Amino acid sequence: MDVEQLLEAMTPEVYERLLYATETGRWPEGSRLSQEQRDSCMQAVMLYQSKHNVEPQHMSVAAGGDITFKSKAELKNQFADNSNEIARVKVTQD
């Protein structure tokens, strides 16, 4: 099976399973991956991302095959969640 056939056959559900296996070293059912399986999963995940990842996260492969790097400021803005903030209190020592 060549790369294009692999990408055509890979569904989003298969991608999610492979991504989980790559990140955790285990299949969703709980069995461990061998190093060879983990390497193959990682390659398949990166290939899938290079074709379908239109909103890449930091250090992931974007559509087109480029690895996405985000600056510290971009990451801070991405994870800033001020909408749930109730109050800010400045604490001083007397």
PDB file of N, CA and C in Angstrom:
ATOM      1  N   MET A   1       0.850  -1.178   0.000  1.00  0.00           N
ATOM      2  CA  MET A   1       0.000   0.000   0.000  1.00  0.00           C
ATOM      3  C   MET A   1       0.894   1.239   0.000  1.00  0.00           C
ATOM      4  N   ASP A   2       0.648   2.134  -0.948  1.00  0.00           N
ATOM      5  CA  ASP A   2       1.449   3.353  -0.987  1.00  0.00           C
ATOM      6  C   ASP A   2       0.809   4.434  -0.110  1.00  0.00           C
ATOM      7  N   VAL A   3       1.480   5.572   0.000  1.00  0.00           N
ATOM      8  CA  VAL A   3       1.069   6.648   0.903  1.00  0.00           C
ATOM      9  C   VAL A   3      -0.316   7.176   0.550  1.00  0.00           C
ATOM     10  N   GLU A   4      -0.579   7.403  -0.730  1.00  0.00           N
ATOM     11  CA  GLU A   4      -1.879   7.949  -1.143  1.00  0.00           C
ATOM     12  C   GLU A   4      -3.013   6.987  -0.814  1.00  0.00           C
ATOM     13  N   GLN A   5      -2.800   5.693  -1.030  1.00  0.00           N
ATOM     14  CA  GLN A   5      -3.825   4.704  -0.688  1.00  0.00           C
ATOM     15  C   GLN A   5      -4.071   4.686   0.817  1.00  0.00           C
ATOM     16  N   LEU A   6      -3.002   4.783   1.583  1.00  0.00           N
ATOM     17  CA  LEU A   6      -3.125   4.810   3.040  1.00  0.00           C
ATOM     18  C   LEU A   6      -3.952   6.006   3.486  1.00  0.00           C
ATOM     19  N   LEU A   7      -3.660   7.176   2.937  1.00  0.00           N
ATOM     20  CA  LEU A   7      -4.388   8.389   3.323  1.00  0.00           C
ATOM     21  C   LEU A   7      -5.847   8.346   2.886  1.00  0.00           C
ATOM     22  N   GLU A   8      -6.126   7.754   1.733  1.00  0.00           N
ATOM     23  CA  GLU A   8      -7.511   7.621   1.272  1.00  0.00           C
ATOM     24  C   GLU A   8      -8.305   6.673   2.170  1.00  0.00           C
ATOM     25  N   ALA A   9      -7.648   5.639   2.664  1.00  0.00           N
ATOM     26  CA  ALA A   9      -8.331   4.646   3.493  1.00  0.00           C
ATOM     27  C   ALA A   9      -8.486   5.091   4.942  1.00  0.00           C
ATOM     28  N   MET A  10      -7.702   6.075   5.378  1.00  0.00           N
ATOM     29  CA  MET A  10      -7.708   6.480   6.786  1.00  0.00           C
ATOM     30  C   MET A  10      -8.858   7.441   7.067  1.00  0.00           C
ATOM     31  N   THR A  11      -9.749   7.028   7.953  1.00  0.00           N
ATOM     32  CA  THR A  11     -10.876   7.866   8.362  1.00  0.00           C
ATOM     33  C   THR A  11     -10.460   8.717   9.563  1.00  0.00           C
ATOM     34  N   PRO A  12     -11.222   9.758   9.889  1.00  0.00           N
ATOM     35  CA  PRO A  12     -10.915  10.535  11.094  1.00  0.00           C
ATOM     36  C   PRO A  12     -10.908   9.682  12.370  1.00  0.00           C
ATOM     37  N   GLU A  13     -11.760   8.665  12.416  1.00  0.00           N
ATOM     38  CA  GLU A  13     -11.795   7.782  13.588  1.00  0.00           C
ATOM     39  C   GLU A  13     -10.500   6.985  13.708  1.00  0.00           C
ATOM     40  N   VAL A  14      -9.999   6.494  12.587  1.00  0.00           N
ATOM     41  CA  VAL A  14      -8.728   5.755  12.590  1.00  0.00           C
ATOM     42  C   VAL A  14      -7.600   6.691  13.001  1.00  0.00           C
ATOM     43  N   TYR A  15      -7.616   7.915  12.477  1.00  0.00           N
ATOM     44  CA  TYR A  15      -6.606   8.906  12.855  1.00  0.00           C
ATOM     45  C   TYR A  15      -6.611   9.136  14.365  1.00  0.00           C
ATOM     46  N   GLU A  16      -7.788   9.296  14.960  1.00  0.00           N
ATOM     47  CA  GLU A  16      -7.887   9.527  16.406  1.00  0.00           C
ATOM     48  C   GLU A  16      -7.325   8.343  17.191  1.00  0.00           C
ATOM     49  N   ARG A  17      -7.603   7.127  16.741  1.00  0.00           N
ATOM     50  CA  ARG A  17      -7.060   5.938  17.414  1.00  0.00           C
ATOM     51  C   ARG A  17      -5.534   5.901  17.315  1.00  0.00           C
ATOM     52  N   LEU A  18      -5.012   6.208  16.136  1.00  0.00           N
ATOM     53  CA  LEU A  18      -3.560   6.209  15.947  1.00  0.00           C
ATOM     54  C   LEU A  18      -2.905   7.326  16.754  1.00  0.00           C
ATOM     55  N   LEU A  19      -3.548   8.483  16.814  1.00  0.00           N
ATOM     56  CA  LEU A  19      -3.028   9.597  17.598  1.00  0.00           C
ATOM     57  C   LEU A  19      -2.985   9.226  19.077  1.00  0.00           C
ATOM     58  N   TYR A  20      -4.056   8.623  19.574  1.00  0.00           N
ATOM     59  CA  TYR A  20      -4.098   8.182  20.973  1.00  0.00           C
ATOM     60  C   TYR A  20      -2.980   7.173  21.239  1.00  0.00           C
ATOM     61  N   ALA A  21      -2.825   6.223  20.330  1.00  0.00           N
ATOM     62  CA  ALA A  21      -1.791   5.199  20.496  1.00  0.00           C
ATOM     63  C   ALA A  21      -0.399   5.818  20.498  1.00  0.00           C
ATOM     64  N   THR A  22      -0.175   6.791  19.639  1.00  0.00           N
ATOM     65  CA  THR A  22       1.120   7.464  19.575  1.00  0.00           C
ATOM     66  C   THR A  22       1.402   8.234  20.856  1.00  0.00           C
ATOM     67  N   GLU A  23       0.395   8.943  21.361  1.00  0.00           N
ATOM     68  CA  GLU A  23       0.577   9.775  22.552  1.00  0.00           C
ATOM     69  C   GLU A  23       0.753   8.958  23.824  1.00  0.00           C
ATOM     70  N   THR A  24       0.045   7.843  23.942  1.00  0.00           N
ATOM     71  CA  THR A  24       0.042   7.086  25.199  1.00  0.00           C
ATOM     72  C   THR A  24       0.882   5.814  25.171  1.00  0.00           C
ATOM     73  N   GLY A  25       1.171   5.305  23.980  1.00  0.00           N
ATOM     74  CA  GLY A  25       1.896   4.043  23.887  1.00  0.00           C
ATOM     75  C   GLY A  25       0.998   2.834  24.080  1.00  0.00           C
ATOM     76  N   ARG A  26      -0.315   3.077  24.083  1.00  0.00           N
ATOM     77  CA  ARG A  26      -1.299   2.000  24.242  1.00  0.00           C
ATOM     78  C   ARG A  26      -2.438   2.201  23.250  1.00  0.00           C
ATOM     79  N   TRP A  27      -3.030   1.089  22.826  1.00  0.00           N
ATOM     80  CA  TRP A  27      -4.240   1.168  22.028  1.00  0.00           C
ATOM     81  C   TRP A  27      -5.383   1.586  22.946  1.00  0.00           C
ATOM     82  N   PRO A  28      -6.452   2.155  22.397  1.00  0.00           N
ATOM     83  CA  PRO A  28      -7.581   2.552  23.250  1.00  0.00           C
ATOM     84  C   PRO A  28      -8.122   1.407  24.113  1.00  0.00           C
ATOM     85  N   GLU A  29      -7.953   0.172  23.672  1.00  0.00           N
ATOM     86  CA  GLU A  29      -8.401  -0.987  24.453  1.00  0.00           C
ATOM     87  C   GLU A  29      -7.478  -1.286  25.629  1.00  0.00           C
ATOM     88  N   GLY A  30      -6.283  -0.682  25.629  1.00  0.00           N
ATOM     89  CA  GLY A  30      -5.365  -0.838  26.753  1.00  0.00           C
ATOM     90  C   GLY A  30      -4.103  -1.629  26.491  1.00  0.00           C
ATOM     91  N   SER A  31      -4.023  -2.372  25.396  1.00  0.00           N
ATOM     92  CA  SER A  31      -2.814  -3.160  25.140  1.00  0.00           C
ATOM     93  C   SER A  31      -1.681  -2.249  24.673  1.00  0.00           C
ATOM     94  N   ARG A  32      -0.458  -2.609  25.061  1.00  0.00           N
ATOM     95  CA  ARG A  32       0.725  -1.792  24.755  1.00  0.00           C
ATOM     96  C   ARG A  32       1.141  -1.956  23.298  1.00  0.00           C
ATOM     97  N   LEU A  33       1.728  -0.903  22.752  1.00  0.00           N
ATOM     98  CA  LEU A  33       2.287  -0.939  21.402  1.00  0.00           C
ATOM     99  C   LEU A  33       3.755  -1.326  21.486  1.00  0.00           C
ATOM    100  N   SER A  34       4.222  -2.057  20.487  1.00  0.00           N
ATOM    101  CA  SER A  34       5.659  -2.284  20.376  1.00  0.00           C
ATOM    102  C   SER A  34       6.278  -0.996  19.833  1.00  0.00           C
ATOM    103  N   GLN A  35       7.589  -0.879  19.921  1.00  0.00           N
ATOM    104  CA  GLN A  35       8.252   0.323  19.406  1.00  0.00           C
ATOM    105  C   GLN A  35       8.011   0.463  17.908  1.00  0.00           C
ATOM    106  N   GLU A  36       8.016  -0.658  17.191  1.00  0.00           N
ATOM    107  CA  GLU A  36       7.771  -0.625  15.746  1.00  0.00           C
ATOM    108  C   GLU A  36       6.351  -0.128  15.445  1.00  0.00           C
ATOM    109  N   GLN A  37       5.364  -0.594  16.229  1.00  0.00           N
ATOM    110  CA  GLN A  37       3.989  -0.129  16.044  1.00  0.00           C
ATOM    111  C   GLN A  37       3.869   1.365  16.336  1.00  0.00           C
ATOM    112  N   ARG A  38       4.522   1.805  17.388  1.00  0.00           N
ATOM    113  CA  ARG A  38       4.454   3.227  17.755  1.00  0.00           C
ATOM    114  C   ARG A  38       5.083   4.098  16.665  1.00  0.00           C
ATOM    115  N   ASP A  39       6.208   3.659  16.130  1.00  0.00           N
ATOM    116  CA  ASP A  39       6.860   4.394  15.044  1.00  0.00           C
ATOM    117  C   ASP A  39       5.962   4.462  13.808  1.00  0.00           C
ATOM    118  N   SER A  40       5.331   3.341  13.465  1.00  0.00           N
ATOM    119  CA  SER A  40       4.433   3.311  12.305  1.00  0.00           C
ATOM    120  C   SER A  40       3.217   4.202  12.524  1.00  0.00           C
ATOM    121  N   CYS A  41       2.670   4.173  13.734  1.00  0.00           N
ATOM    122  CA  CYS A  41       1.526   5.034  14.063  1.00  0.00           C
ATOM    123  C   CYS A  41       1.908   6.503  13.934  1.00  0.00           C
ATOM    124  N   MET A  42       3.088   6.854  14.432  1.00  0.00           N
ATOM    125  CA  MET A  42       3.528   8.244  14.372  1.00  0.00           C
ATOM    126  C   MET A  42       3.678   8.704  12.919  1.00  0.00           C
ATOM    127  N   GLN A  43       4.226   7.850  12.077  1.00  0.00           N
ATOM    128  CA  GLN A  43       4.365   8.198  10.663  1.00  0.00           C
ATOM    129  C   GLN A  43       2.999   8.390  10.015  1.00  0.00           C
ATOM    130  N   ALA A  44       2.051   7.504  10.324  1.00  0.00           N
ATOM    131  CA  ALA A  44       0.708   7.613   9.752  1.00  0.00           C
ATOM    132  C   ALA A  44       0.008   8.879  10.236  1.00  0.00           C
ATOM    133  N   VAL A  45       0.171   9.215  11.513  1.00  0.00           N
ATOM    134  CA  VAL A  45      -0.433  10.431  12.070  1.00  0.00           C
ATOM    135  C   VAL A  45       0.135  11.663  11.372  1.00  0.00           C
ATOM    136  N   MET A  46       1.437  11.706  11.195  1.00  0.00           N
ATOM    137  CA  MET A  46       2.065  12.862  10.549  1.00  0.00           C
ATOM    138  C   MET A  46       1.637  12.980   9.084  1.00  0.00           C
ATOM    139  N   LEU A  47       1.501  11.859   8.398  1.00  0.00           N
ATOM    140  CA  LEU A  47       1.029  11.888   7.011  1.00  0.00           C
ATOM    141  C   LEU A  47      -0.403  12.405   6.939  1.00  0.00           C
ATOM    142  N   TYR A  48      -1.261  11.921   7.832  1.00  0.00           N
ATOM    143  CA  TYR A  48      -2.658  12.360   7.860  1.00  0.00           C
ATOM    144  C   TYR A  48      -2.730  13.858   8.146  1.00  0.00           C
ATOM    145  N   GLN A  49      -1.955  14.314   9.125  1.00  0.00           N
ATOM    146  CA  GLN A  49      -1.955  15.734   9.464  1.00  0.00           C
ATOM    147  C   GLN A  49      -1.479  16.578   8.282  1.00  0.00           C
ATOM    148  N   SER A  50      -0.515  16.074   7.531  1.00  0.00           N
ATOM    149  CA  SER A  50       0.019  16.852   6.410  1.00  0.00           C
ATOM    150  C   SER A  50      -1.015  17.072   5.314  1.00  0.00           C
ATOM    151  N   LYS A  51      -2.062  16.266   5.294  1.00  0.00           N
ATOM    152  CA  LYS A  51      -3.120  16.421   4.290  1.00  0.00           C
ATOM    153  C   LYS A  51      -4.377  17.080   4.850  1.00  0.00           C
ATOM    154  N   HIS A  52      -4.666  16.899   6.141  1.00  0.00           N
ATOM    155  CA  HIS A  52      -5.967  17.299   6.679  1.00  0.00           C
ATOM    156  C   HIS A  52      -5.925  18.305   7.819  1.00  0.00           C
ATOM    157  N   ASN A  53      -4.783  18.649   8.329  1.00  0.00           N
ATOM    158  CA  ASN A  53      -4.700  19.490   9.525  1.00  0.00           C
ATOM    159  C   ASN A  53      -4.705  20.970   9.136  1.00  0.00           C
ATOM    160  N   VAL A  54      -5.909  21.555   9.026  1.00  0.00           N
ATOM    161  CA  VAL A  54      -6.015  22.957   8.604  1.00  0.00           C
ATOM    162  C   VAL A  54      -5.897  23.927   9.778  1.00  0.00           C
ATOM    163  N   GLU A  55      -6.054  23.459  11.009  1.00  0.00           N
ATOM    164  CA  GLU A  55      -5.877  24.285  12.207  1.00  0.00           C
ATOM    165  C   GLU A  55      -4.858  23.613  13.128  1.00  0.00           C
ATOM    166  N   PRO A  56      -3.585  23.647  12.738  1.00  0.00           N
ATOM    167  CA  PRO A  56      -2.572  22.898  13.489  1.00  0.00           C
ATOM    168  C   PRO A  56      -2.277  23.490  14.861  1.00  0.00           C
ATOM    169  N   GLN A  57      -1.998  22.614  15.796  1.00  0.00           N
ATOM    170  CA  GLN A  57      -1.557  23.008  17.126  1.00  0.00           C
ATOM    171  C   GLN A  57      -0.043  23.191  17.093  1.00  0.00           C
ATOM    172  N   HIS A  58       0.499  23.723  18.175  1.00  0.00           N
ATOM    173  CA  HIS A  58       1.943  23.920  18.305  1.00  0.00           C
ATOM    174  C   HIS A  58       2.666  22.581  18.163  1.00  0.00           C
ATOM    175  N   MET A  59       3.706  22.565  17.387  1.00  0.00           N
ATOM    176  CA  MET A  59       4.550  21.387  17.159  1.00  0.00           C
ATOM    177  C   MET A  59       3.777  20.232  16.526  1.00  0.00           C
ATOM    178  N   SER A  60       2.864  20.535  15.613  1.00  0.00           N
ATOM    179  CA  SER A  60       2.191  19.490  14.851  1.00  0.00           C
ATOM    180  C   SER A  60       2.383  19.791  13.370  1.00  0.00           C
ATOM    181  N   VAL A  61       2.044  18.825  12.548  1.00  0.00           N
ATOM    182  CA  VAL A  61       2.219  18.974  11.110  1.00  0.00           C
ATOM    183  C   VAL A  61       0.966  19.624  10.532  1.00  0.00           C
ATOM    184  N   ALA A  62       1.147  20.699   9.802  1.00  0.00           N
ATOM    185  CA  ALA A  62       0.025  21.405   9.175  1.00  0.00           C
ATOM    186  C   ALA A  62      -0.233  20.835   7.787  1.00  0.00           C
ATOM    187  N   ALA A  63      -1.411  21.139   7.250  1.00  0.00           N
ATOM    188  CA  ALA A  63      -1.706  20.757   5.873  1.00  0.00           C
ATOM    189  C   ALA A  63      -0.623  21.364   4.984  1.00  0.00           C
ATOM    190  N   GLY A  64      -0.080  20.567   4.114  1.00  0.00           N
ATOM    191  CA  GLY A  64       1.032  21.010   3.280  1.00  0.00           C
ATOM    192  C   GLY A  64       2.351  20.430   3.744  1.00  0.00           C
ATOM    193  N   GLY A  65       2.375  19.889   4.964  1.00  0.00           N
ATOM    194  CA  GLY A  65       3.565  19.207   5.450  1.00  0.00           C
ATOM    195  C   GLY A  65       4.503  20.011   6.312  1.00  0.00           C
ATOM    196  N   ASP A  66       4.197  21.285   6.567  1.00  0.00           N
ATOM    197  CA  ASP A  66       5.074  22.107   7.400  1.00  0.00           C
ATOM    198  C   ASP A  66       4.772  21.894   8.876  1.00  0.00           C
ATOM    199  N   ILE A  67       5.809  21.866   9.695  1.00  0.00           N
ATOM    200  CA  ILE A  67       5.621  21.757  11.137  1.00  0.00           C
ATOM    201  C   ILE A  67       5.303  23.143  11.675  1.00  0.00           C
ATOM    202  N   THR A  68       4.267  23.225  12.510  1.00  0.00           N
ATOM    203  CA  THR A  68       3.817  24.501  13.056  1.00  0.00           C
ATOM    204  C   THR A  68       4.510  24.784  14.373  1.00  0.00           C
ATOM    205  N   PHE A  69       5.119  25.950  14.450  1.00  0.00           N
ATOM    206  CA  PHE A  69       5.720  26.437  15.682  1.00  0.00           C
ATOM    207  C   PHE A  69       4.981  27.706  16.065  1.00  0.00           C
ATOM    208  N   LYS A  70       4.600  27.819  17.311  1.00  0.00           N
ATOM    209  CA  LYS A  70       3.939  29.034  17.783  1.00  0.00           C
ATOM    210  C   LYS A  70       4.841  29.719  18.796  1.00  0.00           C
ATOM    211  N   SER A  71       4.813  31.047  18.771  1.00  0.00           N
ATOM    212  CA  SER A  71       5.624  31.814  19.714  1.00  0.00           C
ATOM    213  C   SER A  71       5.020  31.719  21.108  1.00  0.00           C
ATOM    214  N   LYS A  72       5.786  32.131  22.091  1.00  0.00           N
ATOM    215  CA  LYS A  72       5.308  32.121  23.470  1.00  0.00           C
ATOM    216  C   LYS A  72       4.065  32.999  23.608  1.00  0.00           C
ATOM    217  N   ALA A  73       4.056  34.148  22.943  1.00  0.00           N
ATOM    218  CA  ALA A  73       2.902  35.059  22.999  1.00  0.00           C
ATOM    219  C   ALA A  73       1.664  34.419  22.374  1.00  0.00           C
ATOM    220  N   GLU A  74       1.844  33.725  21.256  1.00  0.00           N
ATOM    221  CA  GLU A  74       0.713  33.049  20.617  1.00  0.00           C
ATOM    222  C   GLU A  74       0.139  31.966  21.518  1.00  0.00           C
ATOM    223  N   LEU A  75       1.020  31.214  22.177  1.00  0.00           N
ATOM    224  CA  LEU A  75       0.549  30.166  23.083  1.00  0.00           C
ATOM    225  C   LEU A  75      -0.173  30.755  24.291  1.00  0.00           C
ATOM    226  N   LYS A  76       0.352  31.858  24.834  1.00  0.00           N
ATOM    227  CA  LYS A  76      -0.318  32.515  25.960  1.00  0.00           C
ATOM    228  C   LYS A  76      -1.712  32.977  25.559  1.00  0.00           C
ATOM    229  N   ASN A  77      -1.824  33.587  24.387  1.00  0.00           N
ATOM    230  CA  ASN A  77      -3.130  34.039  23.913  1.00  0.00           C
ATOM    231  C   ASN A  77      -4.076  32.875  23.679  1.00  0.00           C
ATOM    232  N   GLN A  78      -3.557  31.776  23.175  1.00  0.00           N
ATOM    233  CA  GLN A  78      -4.384  30.607  22.900  1.00  0.00           C
ATOM    234  C   GLN A  78      -4.958  30.029  24.187  1.00  0.00           C
ATOM    235  N   PHE A  79      -4.152  30.010  25.244  1.00  0.00           N
ATOM    236  CA  PHE A  79      -4.593  29.377  26.481  1.00  0.00           C
ATOM    237  C   PHE A  79      -5.148  30.358  27.502  1.00  0.00           C
ATOM    238  N   ALA A  80      -5.122  31.642  27.199  1.00  0.00           N
ATOM    239  CA  ALA A  80      -5.692  32.637  28.114  1.00  0.00           C
ATOM    240  C   ALA A  80      -7.204  32.480  28.119  1.00  0.00           C
ATOM    241  N   ASP A  81      -7.756  32.392  29.306  1.00  0.00           N
ATOM    242  CA  ASP A  81      -9.201  32.240  29.439  1.00  0.00           C
ATOM    243  C   ASP A  81      -9.678  33.215  30.499  1.00  0.00           C
ATOM    244  N   ASN A  82      -9.838  34.456  30.113  1.00  0.00           N
ATOM    245  CA  ASN A  82     -10.254  35.487  31.049  1.00  0.00           C
ATOM    246  C   ASN A  82     -11.762  35.565  31.196  1.00  0.00           C
ATOM    247  N   SER A  83     -12.505  34.806  30.400  1.00  0.00           N
ATOM    248  CA  SER A  83     -13.959  34.884  30.457  1.00  0.00           C
ATOM    249  C   SER A  83     -14.521  34.320  31.756  1.00  0.00           C
ATOM    250  N   ASN A  84     -13.798  33.418  32.409  1.00  0.00           N
ATOM    251  CA  ASN A  84     -14.270  32.816  33.654  1.00  0.00           C
ATOM    252  C   ASN A  84     -13.762  33.551  34.886  1.00  0.00           C
ATOM    253  N   GLU A  85     -13.054  34.628  34.679  1.00  0.00           N
ATOM    254  CA  GLU A  85     -12.475  35.363  35.792  1.00  0.00           C
ATOM    255  C   GLU A  85     -13.579  36.108  36.543  1.00  0.00           C
ATOM    256  N   ILE A  86     -13.625  35.927  37.854  1.00  0.00           N
ATOM    257  CA  ILE A  86     -14.643  36.583  38.676  1.00  0.00           C
ATOM    258  C   ILE A  86     -14.101  37.882  39.236  1.00  0.00           C
ATOM    259  N   ALA A  87     -12.946  37.838  39.866  1.00  0.00           N
ATOM    260  CA  ALA A  87     -12.374  39.048  40.460  1.00  0.00           C
ATOM    261  C   ALA A  87     -10.868  38.892  40.590  1.00  0.00           C
ATOM    262  N   ARG A  88     -10.188  40.007  40.548  1.00  0.00           N
ATOM    263  CA  ARG A  88      -8.750  40.043  40.816  1.00  0.00           C
ATOM    264  C   ARG A  88      -8.549  40.848  42.079  1.00  0.00           C
ATOM    265  N   VAL A  89      -7.734  40.331  42.966  1.00  0.00           N
ATOM    266  CA  VAL A  89      -7.466  41.005  44.231  1.00  0.00           C
ATOM    267  C   VAL A  89      -5.962  41.131  44.382  1.00  0.00           C
ATOM    268  N   LYS A  90      -5.504  42.336  44.668  1.00  0.00           N
ATOM    269  CA  LYS A  90      -4.087  42.552  44.896  1.00  0.00           C
ATOM    270  C   LYS A  90      -3.833  42.359  46.387  1.00  0.00           C
ATOM    271  N   VAL A  91      -2.997  41.406  46.706  1.00  0.00           N
ATOM    272  CA  VAL A  91      -2.694  41.083  48.099  1.00  0.00           C
ATOM    273  C   VAL A  91      -1.405  41.798  48.482  1.00  0.00           C
ATOM    274  N   THR A  92      -1.463  42.551  49.563  1.00  0.00           N
ATOM    275  CA  THR A  92      -0.276  43.247  50.060  1.00  0.00           C
ATOM    276  C   THR A  92      -0.025  42.825  51.492  1.00  0.00           C
ATOM    277  N   GLN A  93       1.220  42.856  51.862  1.00  0.00           N
ATOM    278  CA  GLN A  93       1.573  42.526  53.244  1.00  0.00           C
ATOM    279  C   GLN A  93       1.661  43.812  54.044  1.00  0.00           C
ATOM    280  N   ASP A  94       1.062  43.815  55.227  1.00  0.00           N
ATOM    281  CA  ASP A  94       1.092  45.004  56.096  1.00  0.00           C
ATOM    282  C   ASP A  94       2.136  44.870  57.163  1.00  0.00           C
TER     283      ASP A  94
END
